[in-house]
Amino acid sequence: NFAPHGRNSATRSRSLIEKWWTEEP
């Protein structure tokens, strides 16, 4: 649900990283 493209969904966006790990710590 967060990384539908697997490793190609990786990001350096701080806001998106915060969102992901806030929703699934």
mmCIF file of all heavy atoms, coordinates in Angstrom:
data_MODEL
# 
_entry.id   MODEL 
# 
loop_
_atom_site.group_PDB 
_atom_site.id 
_atom_site.type_symbol 
_atom_site.label_atom_id 
_atom_site.label_alt_id 
_atom_site.label_comp_id 
_atom_site.label_asym_id 
_atom_site.label_entity_id 
_atom_site.label_seq_id 
_atom_site.pdbx_PDB_ins_code 
_atom_site.Cartn_x 
_atom_site.Cartn_y 
_atom_site.Cartn_z 
_atom_site.occupancy 
_atom_site.B_iso_or_equiv 
_atom_site.pdbx_formal_charge 
_atom_site.auth_seq_id 
_atom_site.auth_comp_id 
_atom_site.auth_asym_id 
_atom_site.auth_atom_id 
_atom_site.pdbx_PDB_model_num 
ATOM 1   N N   . ASN A 1 1  ? 0.819  -1.220 0.000   1.00 0.00 ? 1  ASN A N   1 
ATOM 2   C CA  . ASN A 1 1  ? 0.000  0.000  0.000   1.00 0.00 ? 1  ASN A CA  1 
ATOM 3   C C   . ASN A 1 1  ? 0.849  1.265  0.000   1.00 0.00 ? 1  ASN A C   1 
ATOM 4   O O   . ASN A 1 1  ? 0.427  2.304  -0.522  1.00 0.00 ? 1  ASN A O   1 
ATOM 5   C CB  . ASN A 1 1  ? -0.959 -0.002 1.195   1.00 0.00 ? 1  ASN A CB  1 
ATOM 6   C CG  . ASN A 1 1  ? -0.245 -0.214 2.517   1.00 0.00 ? 1  ASN A CG  1 
ATOM 7   O OD1 . ASN A 1 1  ? 0.811  -0.862 2.570   1.00 0.00 ? 1  ASN A OD1 1 
ATOM 8   N ND2 . ASN A 1 1  ? -0.819 0.287  3.595   1.00 0.00 ? 1  ASN A ND2 1 
ATOM 9   N N   . PHE A 1 2  ? 2.038  1.213  0.576   1.00 0.00 ? 2  PHE A N   1 
ATOM 10  C CA  . PHE A 1 2  ? 2.929  2.364  0.597   1.00 0.00 ? 2  PHE A CA  1 
ATOM 11  C C   . PHE A 1 2  ? 3.965  2.314  -0.531  1.00 0.00 ? 2  PHE A C   1 
ATOM 12  O O   . PHE A 1 2  ? 4.405  3.352  -1.022  1.00 0.00 ? 2  PHE A O   1 
ATOM 13  C CB  . PHE A 1 2  ? 3.665  2.457  1.932   1.00 0.00 ? 2  PHE A CB  1 
ATOM 14  C CG  . PHE A 1 2  ? 2.785  2.780  3.103   1.00 0.00 ? 2  PHE A CG  1 
ATOM 15  C CD1 . PHE A 1 2  ? 3.177  2.432  4.388   1.00 0.00 ? 2  PHE A CD1 1 
ATOM 16  C CD2 . PHE A 1 2  ? 1.576  3.432  2.944   1.00 0.00 ? 2  PHE A CD2 1 
ATOM 17  C CE1 . PHE A 1 2  ? 2.379  2.728  5.485   1.00 0.00 ? 2  PHE A CE1 1 
ATOM 18  C CE2 . PHE A 1 2  ? 0.771  3.731  4.016   1.00 0.00 ? 2  PHE A CE2 1 
ATOM 19  C CZ  . PHE A 1 2  ? 1.170  3.377  5.301   1.00 0.00 ? 2  PHE A CZ  1 
ATOM 20  N N   . ALA A 1 3  ? 4.396  1.112  -0.884  1.00 0.00 ? 3  ALA A N   1 
ATOM 21  C CA  . ALA A 1 3  ? 5.456  0.941  -1.879  1.00 0.00 ? 3  ALA A CA  1 
ATOM 22  C C   . ALA A 1 3  ? 4.980  -0.010 -2.972  1.00 0.00 ? 3  ALA A C   1 
ATOM 23  O O   . ALA A 1 3  ? 5.477  -1.134 -3.100  1.00 0.00 ? 3  ALA A O   1 
ATOM 24  C CB  . ALA A 1 3  ? 6.722  0.411  -1.205  1.00 0.00 ? 3  ALA A CB  1 
ATOM 25  N N   . PRO A 1 4  ? 3.996  0.416  -3.772  1.00 0.00 ? 4  PRO A N   1 
ATOM 26  C CA  . PRO A 1 4  ? 3.423  -0.478 -4.784  1.00 0.00 ? 4  PRO A CA  1 
ATOM 27  C C   . PRO A 1 4  ? 4.413  -0.907 -5.861  1.00 0.00 ? 4  PRO A C   1 
ATOM 28  O O   . PRO A 1 4  ? 4.208  -1.921 -6.523  1.00 0.00 ? 4  PRO A O   1 
ATOM 29  C CB  . PRO A 1 4  ? 2.284  0.358  -5.390  1.00 0.00 ? 4  PRO A CB  1 
ATOM 30  C CG  . PRO A 1 4  ? 2.673  1.774  -5.126  1.00 0.00 ? 4  PRO A CG  1 
ATOM 31  C CD  . PRO A 1 4  ? 3.364  1.751  -3.802  1.00 0.00 ? 4  PRO A CD  1 
ATOM 32  N N   . HIS A 1 5  ? 5.493  -0.150 -6.016  1.00 0.00 ? 5  HIS A N   1 
ATOM 33  C CA  . HIS A 1 5  ? 6.504  -0.481 -7.019  1.00 0.00 ? 5  HIS A CA  1 
ATOM 34  C C   . HIS A 1 5  ? 7.765  -1.038 -6.368  1.00 0.00 ? 5  HIS A C   1 
ATOM 35  O O   . HIS A 1 5  ? 8.846  -1.022 -6.976  1.00 0.00 ? 5  HIS A O   1 
ATOM 36  C CB  . HIS A 1 5  ? 6.839  0.743  -7.862  1.00 0.00 ? 5  HIS A CB  1 
ATOM 37  C CG  . HIS A 1 5  ? 5.640  1.349  -8.518  1.00 0.00 ? 5  HIS A CG  1 
ATOM 38  N ND1 . HIS A 1 5  ? 4.927  0.710  -9.517  1.00 0.00 ? 5  HIS A ND1 1 
ATOM 39  C CD2 . HIS A 1 5  ? 4.992  2.530  -8.293  1.00 0.00 ? 5  HIS A CD2 1 
ATOM 40  C CE1 . HIS A 1 5  ? 3.916  1.470  -9.890  1.00 0.00 ? 5  HIS A CE1 1 
ATOM 41  N NE2 . HIS A 1 5  ? 3.928  2.575  -9.166  1.00 0.00 ? 5  HIS A NE2 1 
ATOM 42  N N   . GLY A 1 6  ? 7.621  -1.544 -5.149  1.00 0.00 ? 6  GLY A N   1 
ATOM 43  C CA  . GLY A 1 6  ? 8.765  -2.139 -4.471  1.00 0.00 ? 6  GLY A CA  1 
ATOM 44  C C   . GLY A 1 6  ? 9.883  -1.143 -4.257  1.00 0.00 ? 6  GLY A C   1 
ATOM 45  O O   . GLY A 1 6  ? 9.654  0.007  -3.853  1.00 0.00 ? 6  GLY A O   1 
ATOM 46  N N   . ARG A 1 7  ? 11.109 -1.561 -4.557  1.00 0.00 ? 7  ARG A N   1 
ATOM 47  C CA  . ARG A 1 7  ? 12.267 -0.696 -4.320  1.00 0.00 ? 7  ARG A CA  1 
ATOM 48  C C   . ARG A 1 7  ? 12.217 0.562  -5.173  1.00 0.00 ? 7  ARG A C   1 
ATOM 49  O O   . ARG A 1 7  ? 12.838 1.566  -4.852  1.00 0.00 ? 7  ARG A O   1 
ATOM 50  C CB  . ARG A 1 7  ? 13.558 -1.461 -4.557  1.00 0.00 ? 7  ARG A CB  1 
ATOM 51  C CG  . ARG A 1 7  ? 13.679 -2.171 -5.896  1.00 0.00 ? 7  ARG A CG  1 
ATOM 52  C CD  . ARG A 1 7  ? 14.521 -1.511 -6.902  1.00 0.00 ? 7  ARG A CD  1 
ATOM 53  N NE  . ARG A 1 7  ? 15.897 -1.363 -6.497  1.00 0.00 ? 7  ARG A NE  1 
ATOM 54  C CZ  . ARG A 1 7  ? 16.719 -0.518 -7.063  1.00 0.00 ? 7  ARG A CZ  1 
ATOM 55  N NH1 . ARG A 1 7  ? 16.272 0.288  -8.032  1.00 0.00 ? 7  ARG A NH1 1 
ATOM 56  N NH2 . ARG A 1 7  ? 17.975 -0.418 -6.684  1.00 0.00 ? 7  ARG A NH2 1 
ATOM 57  N N   . ASN A 1 8  ? 11.464 0.532  -6.262  1.00 0.00 ? 8  ASN A N   1 
ATOM 58  C CA  . ASN A 1 8  ? 11.335 1.730  -7.098  1.00 0.00 ? 8  ASN A CA  1 
ATOM 59  C C   . ASN A 1 8  ? 10.421 2.790  -6.482  1.00 0.00 ? 8  ASN A C   1 
ATOM 60  O O   . ASN A 1 8  ? 10.288 3.889  -7.020  1.00 0.00 ? 8  ASN A O   1 
ATOM 61  C CB  . ASN A 1 8  ? 10.831 1.352  -8.487  1.00 0.00 ? 8  ASN A CB  1 
ATOM 62  C CG  . ASN A 1 8  ? 11.836 0.537  -9.276  1.00 0.00 ? 8  ASN A CG  1 
ATOM 63  O OD1 . ASN A 1 8  ? 13.054 0.694  -9.096  1.00 0.00 ? 8  ASN A OD1 1 
ATOM 64  N ND2 . ASN A 1 8  ? 11.360 -0.344 -10.122 1.00 0.00 ? 8  ASN A ND2 1 
ATOM 65  N N   . SER A 1 9  ? 9.777  2.442  -5.370  1.00 0.00 ? 9  SER A N   1 
ATOM 66  C CA  . SER A 1 9  ? 8.979  3.426  -4.636  1.00 0.00 ? 9  SER A CA  1 
ATOM 67  C C   . SER A 1 9  ? 9.820  4.192  -3.618  1.00 0.00 ? 9  SER A C   1 
ATOM 68  O O   . SER A 1 9  ? 9.303  5.079  -2.938  1.00 0.00 ? 9  SER A O   1 
ATOM 69  C CB  . SER A 1 9  ? 7.818  2.736  -3.911  1.00 0.00 ? 9  SER A CB  1 
ATOM 70  O OG  . SER A 1 9  ? 6.901  2.160  -4.829  1.00 0.00 ? 9  SER A OG  1 
ATOM 71  N N   . ALA A 1 10 ? 11.101 3.851  -3.513  1.00 0.00 ? 10 ALA A N   1 
ATOM 72  C CA  . ALA A 1 10 ? 11.971 4.520  -2.542  1.00 0.00 ? 10 ALA A CA  1 
ATOM 73  C C   . ALA A 1 10 ? 12.030 6.017  -2.802  1.00 0.00 ? 10 ALA A C   1 
ATOM 74  O O   . ALA A 1 10 ? 11.993 6.467  -3.946  1.00 0.00 ? 10 ALA A O   1 
ATOM 75  C CB  . ALA A 1 10 ? 13.376 3.916  -2.584  1.00 0.00 ? 10 ALA A CB  1 
ATOM 76  N N   . THR A 1 11 ? 12.142 6.782  -1.717  1.00 0.00 ? 11 THR A N   1 
ATOM 77  C CA  . THR A 1 11 ? 12.130 8.236  -1.840  1.00 0.00 ? 11 THR A CA  1 
ATOM 78  C C   . THR A 1 11 ? 13.081 8.875  -0.836  1.00 0.00 ? 11 THR A C   1 
ATOM 79  O O   . THR A 1 11 ? 13.434 8.269  0.182   1.00 0.00 ? 11 THR A O   1 
ATOM 80  C CB  . THR A 1 11 ? 10.711 8.782  -1.598  1.00 0.00 ? 11 THR A CB  1 
ATOM 81  O OG1 . THR A 1 11 ? 10.702 10.208 -1.810  1.00 0.00 ? 11 THR A OG1 1 
ATOM 82  C CG2 . THR A 1 11 ? 10.248 8.503  -0.180  1.00 0.00 ? 11 THR A CG2 1 
ATOM 83  N N   . ARG A 1 12 ? 13.469 10.107 -1.146  1.00 0.00 ? 12 ARG A N   1 
ATOM 84  C CA  . ARG A 1 12 ? 14.200 10.940 -0.189  1.00 0.00 ? 12 ARG A CA  1 
ATOM 85  C C   . ARG A 1 12 ? 13.307 12.067 0.328   1.00 0.00 ? 12 ARG A C   1 
ATOM 86  O O   . ARG A 1 12 ? 13.795 12.986 0.993   1.00 0.00 ? 12 ARG A O   1 
ATOM 87  C CB  . ARG A 1 12 ? 15.463 11.506 -0.832  1.00 0.00 ? 12 ARG A CB  1 
ATOM 88  C CG  . ARG A 1 12 ? 16.554 10.489 -1.059  1.00 0.00 ? 12 ARG A CG  1 
ATOM 89  C CD  . ARG A 1 12 ? 17.896 11.137 -1.347  1.00 0.00 ? 12 ARG A CD  1 
ATOM 90  N NE  . ARG A 1 12 ? 17.897 11.830 -2.625  1.00 0.00 ? 12 ARG A NE  1 
ATOM 91  C CZ  . ARG A 1 12 ? 18.254 11.276 -3.780  1.00 0.00 ? 12 ARG A CZ  1 
ATOM 92  N NH1 . ARG A 1 12 ? 18.624 10.001 -3.808  1.00 0.00 ? 12 ARG A NH1 1 
ATOM 93  N NH2 . ARG A 1 12 ? 18.252 11.966 -4.897  1.00 0.00 ? 12 ARG A NH2 1 
ATOM 94  N N   . SER A 1 13 ? 12.016 11.983 0.042   1.00 0.00 ? 13 SER A N   1 
ATOM 95  C CA  . SER A 1 13 ? 11.078 13.000 0.514   1.00 0.00 ? 13 SER A CA  1 
ATOM 96  C C   . SER A 1 13 ? 10.846 12.830 2.013   1.00 0.00 ? 13 SER A C   1 
ATOM 97  O O   . SER A 1 13 ? 10.272 11.831 2.461   1.00 0.00 ? 13 SER A O   1 
ATOM 98  C CB  . SER A 1 13 ? 9.740  12.877 -0.224  1.00 0.00 ? 13 SER A CB  1 
ATOM 99  O OG  . SER A 1 13 ? 8.749  13.648 0.408   1.00 0.00 ? 13 SER A OG  1 
ATOM 100 N N   . ARG A 1 14 ? 11.286 13.787 2.790   1.00 0.00 ? 14 ARG A N   1 
ATOM 101 C CA  . ARG A 1 14 ? 11.151 13.688 4.250   1.00 0.00 ? 14 ARG A CA  1 
ATOM 102 C C   . ARG A 1 14 ? 9.680  13.625 4.681   1.00 0.00 ? 14 ARG A C   1 
ATOM 103 O O   . ARG A 1 14 ? 9.322  12.853 5.565   1.00 0.00 ? 14 ARG A O   1 
ATOM 104 C CB  . ARG A 1 14 ? 11.850 14.873 4.914   1.00 0.00 ? 14 ARG A CB  1 
ATOM 105 C CG  . ARG A 1 14 ? 12.001 14.718 6.431   1.00 0.00 ? 14 ARG A CG  1 
ATOM 106 C CD  . ARG A 1 14 ? 12.876 15.805 7.010   1.00 0.00 ? 14 ARG A CD  1 
ATOM 107 N NE  . ARG A 1 14 ? 13.123 15.574 8.422   1.00 0.00 ? 14 ARG A NE  1 
ATOM 108 C CZ  . ARG A 1 14 ? 14.102 14.840 8.904   1.00 0.00 ? 14 ARG A CZ  1 
ATOM 109 N NH1 . ARG A 1 14 ? 14.950 14.253 8.060   1.00 0.00 ? 14 ARG A NH1 1 
ATOM 110 N NH2 . ARG A 1 14 ? 14.273 14.670 10.199  1.00 0.00 ? 14 ARG A NH2 1 
ATOM 111 N N   . SER A 1 15 ? 8.850  14.402 4.006   1.00 0.00 ? 15 SER A N   1 
ATOM 112 C CA  . SER A 1 15 ? 7.437  14.418 4.388   1.00 0.00 ? 15 SER A CA  1 
ATOM 113 C C   . SER A 1 15 ? 6.772  13.072 4.113   1.00 0.00 ? 15 SER A C   1 
ATOM 114 O O   . SER A 1 15 ? 5.950  12.598 4.911   1.00 0.00 ? 15 SER A O   1 
ATOM 115 C CB  . SER A 1 15 ? 6.703  15.533 3.639   1.00 0.00 ? 15 SER A CB  1 
ATOM 116 O OG  . SER A 1 15 ? 6.772  15.338 2.236   1.00 0.00 ? 15 SER A OG  1 
ATOM 117 N N   . LEU A 1 16 ? 7.130  12.438 3.007   1.00 0.00 ? 16 LEU A N   1 
ATOM 118 C CA  . LEU A 1 16 ? 6.536  11.137 2.690   1.00 0.00 ? 16 LEU A CA  1 
ATOM 119 C C   . LEU A 1 16 ? 7.047  10.060 3.635   1.00 0.00 ? 16 LEU A C   1 
ATOM 120 O O   . LEU A 1 16 ? 6.283  9.187  4.079   1.00 0.00 ? 16 LEU A O   1 
ATOM 121 C CB  . LEU A 1 16 ? 6.848  10.763 1.239   1.00 0.00 ? 16 LEU A CB  1 
ATOM 122 C CG  . LEU A 1 16 ? 6.200  9.480  0.712   1.00 0.00 ? 16 LEU A CG  1 
ATOM 123 C CD1 . LEU A 1 16 ? 4.694  9.494  0.930   1.00 0.00 ? 16 LEU A CD1 1 
ATOM 124 C CD2 . LEU A 1 16 ? 6.539  9.288  -0.765  1.00 0.00 ? 16 LEU A CD2 1 
ATOM 125 N N   . ILE A 1 17 ? 8.332  10.114 3.965   1.00 0.00 ? 17 ILE A N   1 
ATOM 126 C CA  . ILE A 1 17 ? 8.898  9.156  4.921   1.00 0.00 ? 17 ILE A CA  1 
ATOM 127 C C   . ILE A 1 17 ? 8.222  9.303  6.277   1.00 0.00 ? 17 ILE A C   1 
ATOM 128 O O   . ILE A 1 17 ? 7.871  8.313  6.930   1.00 0.00 ? 17 ILE A O   1 
ATOM 129 C CB  . ILE A 1 17 ? 10.422 9.341  5.033   1.00 0.00 ? 17 ILE A CB  1 
ATOM 130 C CG1 . ILE A 1 17 ? 11.091 8.954  3.704   1.00 0.00 ? 17 ILE A CG1 1 
ATOM 131 C CG2 . ILE A 1 17 ? 10.996 8.516  6.184   1.00 0.00 ? 17 ILE A CG2 1 
ATOM 132 C CD1 . ILE A 1 17 ? 12.547 9.346  3.615   1.00 0.00 ? 17 ILE A CD1 1 
ATOM 133 N N   . GLU A 1 18 ? 8.026  10.533 6.724   1.00 0.00 ? 18 GLU A N   1 
ATOM 134 C CA  . GLU A 1 18 ? 7.331  10.770 7.990   1.00 0.00 ? 18 GLU A CA  1 
ATOM 135 C C   . GLU A 1 18 ? 5.908  10.221 7.939   1.00 0.00 ? 18 GLU A C   1 
ATOM 136 O O   . GLU A 1 18 ? 5.428  9.625  8.909   1.00 0.00 ? 18 GLU A O   1 
ATOM 137 C CB  . GLU A 1 18 ? 7.320  12.265 8.305   1.00 0.00 ? 18 GLU A CB  1 
ATOM 138 C CG  . GLU A 1 18 ? 8.682  12.812 8.714   1.00 0.00 ? 18 GLU A CG  1 
ATOM 139 C CD  . GLU A 1 18 ? 8.626  14.303 9.022   1.00 0.00 ? 18 GLU A CD  1 
ATOM 140 O OE1 . GLU A 1 18 ? 7.709  14.979 8.505   1.00 0.00 ? 18 GLU A OE1 1 
ATOM 141 O OE2 . GLU A 1 18 ? 9.502  14.779 9.770   1.00 0.00 ? 18 GLU A OE2 1 
ATOM 142 N N   . LYS A 1 19 ? 5.233  10.406 6.834   1.00 0.00 ? 19 LYS A N   1 
ATOM 143 C CA  . LYS A 1 19 ? 3.870  9.905  6.674   1.00 0.00 ? 19 LYS A CA  1 
ATOM 144 C C   . LYS A 1 19 ? 3.837  8.384  6.753   1.00 0.00 ? 19 LYS A C   1 
ATOM 145 O O   . LYS A 1 19 ? 3.015  7.798  7.469   1.00 0.00 ? 19 LYS A O   1 
ATOM 146 C CB  . LYS A 1 19 ? 3.289  10.382 5.342   1.00 0.00 ? 19 LYS A CB  1 
ATOM 147 C CG  . LYS A 1 19 ? 1.871  9.874  5.041   1.00 0.00 ? 19 LYS A CG  1 
ATOM 148 C CD  . LYS A 1 19 ? 1.388  10.406 3.704   1.00 0.00 ? 19 LYS A CD  1 
ATOM 149 C CE  . LYS A 1 19 ? -0.050 9.968  3.409   1.00 0.00 ? 19 LYS A CE  1 
ATOM 150 N NZ  . LYS A 1 19 ? -0.161 8.509  3.247   1.00 0.00 ? 19 LYS A NZ  1 
ATOM 151 N N   . TRP A 1 20 ? 4.737  7.739  6.012   1.00 0.00 ? 20 TRP A N   1 
ATOM 152 C CA  . TRP A 1 20 ? 4.762  6.275  5.995   1.00 0.00 ? 20 TRP A CA  1 
ATOM 153 C C   . TRP A 1 20 ? 4.958  5.710  7.396   1.00 0.00 ? 20 TRP A C   1 
ATOM 154 O O   . TRP A 1 20 ? 4.201  4.850  7.843   1.00 0.00 ? 20 TRP A O   1 
ATOM 155 C CB  . TRP A 1 20 ? 5.895  5.789  5.098   1.00 0.00 ? 20 TRP A CB  1 
ATOM 156 C CG  . TRP A 1 20 ? 5.601  5.826  3.627   1.00 0.00 ? 20 TRP A CG  1 
ATOM 157 C CD1 . TRP A 1 20 ? 4.383  5.897  3.029   1.00 0.00 ? 20 TRP A CD1 1 
ATOM 158 C CD2 . TRP A 1 20 ? 6.575  5.792  2.571   1.00 0.00 ? 20 TRP A CD2 1 
ATOM 159 N NE1 . TRP A 1 20 ? 4.522  5.890  1.670   1.00 0.00 ? 20 TRP A NE1 1 
ATOM 160 C CE2 . TRP A 1 20 ? 5.849  5.827  1.354   1.00 0.00 ? 20 TRP A CE2 1 
ATOM 161 C CE3 . TRP A 1 20 ? 7.966  5.717  2.532   1.00 0.00 ? 20 TRP A CE3 1 
ATOM 162 C CZ2 . TRP A 1 20 ? 6.498  5.795  0.111   1.00 0.00 ? 20 TRP A CZ2 1 
ATOM 163 C CZ3 . TRP A 1 20 ? 8.601  5.692  1.298   1.00 0.00 ? 20 TRP A CZ3 1 
ATOM 164 C CH2 . TRP A 1 20 ? 7.877  5.727  0.110   1.00 0.00 ? 20 TRP A CH2 1 
ATOM 165 N N   . TRP A 1 21 ? 5.992  6.184  8.100   1.00 0.00 ? 21 TRP A N   1 
ATOM 166 C CA  . TRP A 1 21 ? 6.323  5.580  9.392   1.00 0.00 ? 21 TRP A CA  1 
ATOM 167 C C   . TRP A 1 21 ? 5.436  6.097  10.524  1.00 0.00 ? 21 TRP A C   1 
ATOM 168 O O   . TRP A 1 21 ? 5.401  5.497  11.582  1.00 0.00 ? 21 TRP A O   1 
ATOM 169 C CB  . TRP A 1 21 ? 7.807  5.743  9.689   1.00 0.00 ? 21 TRP A CB  1 
ATOM 170 C CG  . TRP A 1 21 ? 8.583  4.562  9.153   1.00 0.00 ? 21 TRP A CG  1 
ATOM 171 C CD1 . TRP A 1 21 ? 8.814  3.389  9.811   1.00 0.00 ? 21 TRP A CD1 1 
ATOM 172 C CD2 . TRP A 1 21 ? 9.187  4.423  7.869   1.00 0.00 ? 21 TRP A CD2 1 
ATOM 173 N NE1 . TRP A 1 21 ? 9.528  2.518  9.015   1.00 0.00 ? 21 TRP A NE1 1 
ATOM 174 C CE2 . TRP A 1 21 ? 9.776  3.137  7.815   1.00 0.00 ? 21 TRP A CE2 1 
ATOM 175 C CE3 . TRP A 1 21 ? 9.300  5.258  6.758   1.00 0.00 ? 21 TRP A CE3 1 
ATOM 176 C CZ2 . TRP A 1 21 ? 10.460 2.664  6.703   1.00 0.00 ? 21 TRP A CZ2 1 
ATOM 177 C CZ3 . TRP A 1 21 ? 9.974  4.793  5.647   1.00 0.00 ? 21 TRP A CZ3 1 
ATOM 178 C CH2 . TRP A 1 21 ? 10.546 3.523  5.613   1.00 0.00 ? 21 TRP A CH2 1 
ATOM 179 N N   . THR A 1 22 ? 4.734  7.183  10.305  1.00 0.00 ? 22 THR A N   1 
ATOM 180 C CA  . THR A 1 22 ? 3.725  7.591  11.280  1.00 0.00 ? 22 THR A CA  1 
ATOM 181 C C   . THR A 1 22 ? 2.520  6.657  11.201  1.00 0.00 ? 22 THR A C   1 
ATOM 182 O O   . THR A 1 22 ? 1.960  6.254  12.220  1.00 0.00 ? 22 THR A O   1 
ATOM 183 C CB  . THR A 1 22 ? 3.279  9.043  11.030  1.00 0.00 ? 22 THR A CB  1 
ATOM 184 O OG1 . THR A 1 22 ? 4.400  9.921  11.220  1.00 0.00 ? 22 THR A OG1 1 
ATOM 185 C CG2 . THR A 1 22 ? 2.167  9.450  11.992  1.00 0.00 ? 22 THR A CG2 1 
ATOM 186 N N   . GLU A 1 23 ? 2.154  6.286  9.982   1.00 0.00 ? 23 GLU A N   1 
ATOM 187 C CA  . GLU A 1 23 ? 1.014  5.390  9.795   1.00 0.00 ? 23 GLU A CA  1 
ATOM 188 C C   . GLU A 1 23 ? 1.360  3.943  10.129  1.00 0.00 ? 23 GLU A C   1 
ATOM 189 O O   . GLU A 1 23 ? 0.492  3.181  10.567  1.00 0.00 ? 23 GLU A O   1 
ATOM 190 C CB  . GLU A 1 23 ? 0.507  5.490  8.349   1.00 0.00 ? 23 GLU A CB  1 
ATOM 191 C CG  . GLU A 1 23 ? -0.097 6.848  8.017   1.00 0.00 ? 23 GLU A CG  1 
ATOM 192 C CD  . GLU A 1 23 ? -0.723 6.880  6.630   1.00 0.00 ? 23 GLU A CD  1 
ATOM 193 O OE1 . GLU A 1 23 ? -1.028 5.794  6.091   1.00 0.00 ? 23 GLU A OE1 1 
ATOM 194 O OE2 . GLU A 1 23 ? -0.910 7.991  6.093   1.00 0.00 ? 23 GLU A OE2 1 
ATOM 195 N N   . GLU A 1 24 ? 2.615  3.534  9.943   1.00 0.00 ? 24 GLU A N   1 
ATOM 196 C CA  . GLU A 1 24 ? 3.047  2.178  10.285  1.00 0.00 ? 24 GLU A CA  1 
ATOM 197 C C   . GLU A 1 24 ? 4.413  2.240  10.953  1.00 0.00 ? 24 GLU A C   1 
ATOM 198 O O   . GLU A 1 24 ? 5.449  2.058  10.331  1.00 0.00 ? 24 GLU A O   1 
ATOM 199 C CB  . GLU A 1 24 ? 3.102  1.295  9.028   1.00 0.00 ? 24 GLU A CB  1 
ATOM 200 C CG  . GLU A 1 24 ? 3.465  -0.158 9.314   1.00 0.00 ? 24 GLU A CG  1 
ATOM 201 C CD  . GLU A 1 24 ? 2.706  -0.741 10.485  1.00 0.00 ? 24 GLU A CD  1 
ATOM 202 O OE1 . GLU A 1 24 ? 1.555  -1.169 10.277  1.00 0.00 ? 24 GLU A OE1 1 
ATOM 203 O OE2 . GLU A 1 24 ? 3.245  -0.726 11.622  1.00 0.00 ? 24 GLU A OE2 1 
ATOM 204 N N   . PRO A 1 25 ? 4.431  2.517  12.283  1.00 0.00 ? 25 PRO A N   1 
ATOM 205 C CA  . PRO A 1 25 ? 5.702  2.698  12.995  1.00 0.00 ? 25 PRO A CA  1 
ATOM 206 C C   . PRO A 1 25 ? 6.585  1.454  13.006  1.00 0.00 ? 25 PRO A C   1 
ATOM 207 O O   . PRO A 1 25 ? 7.793  1.565  13.220  1.00 0.00 ? 25 PRO A O   1 
ATOM 208 C CB  . PRO A 1 25 ? 5.256  3.048  14.421  1.00 0.00 ? 25 PRO A CB  1 
ATOM 209 C CG  . PRO A 1 25 ? 3.842  3.519  14.281  1.00 0.00 ? 25 PRO A CG  1 
ATOM 210 C CD  . PRO A 1 25 ? 3.265  2.750  13.146  1.00 0.00 ? 25 PRO A CD  1 
# 
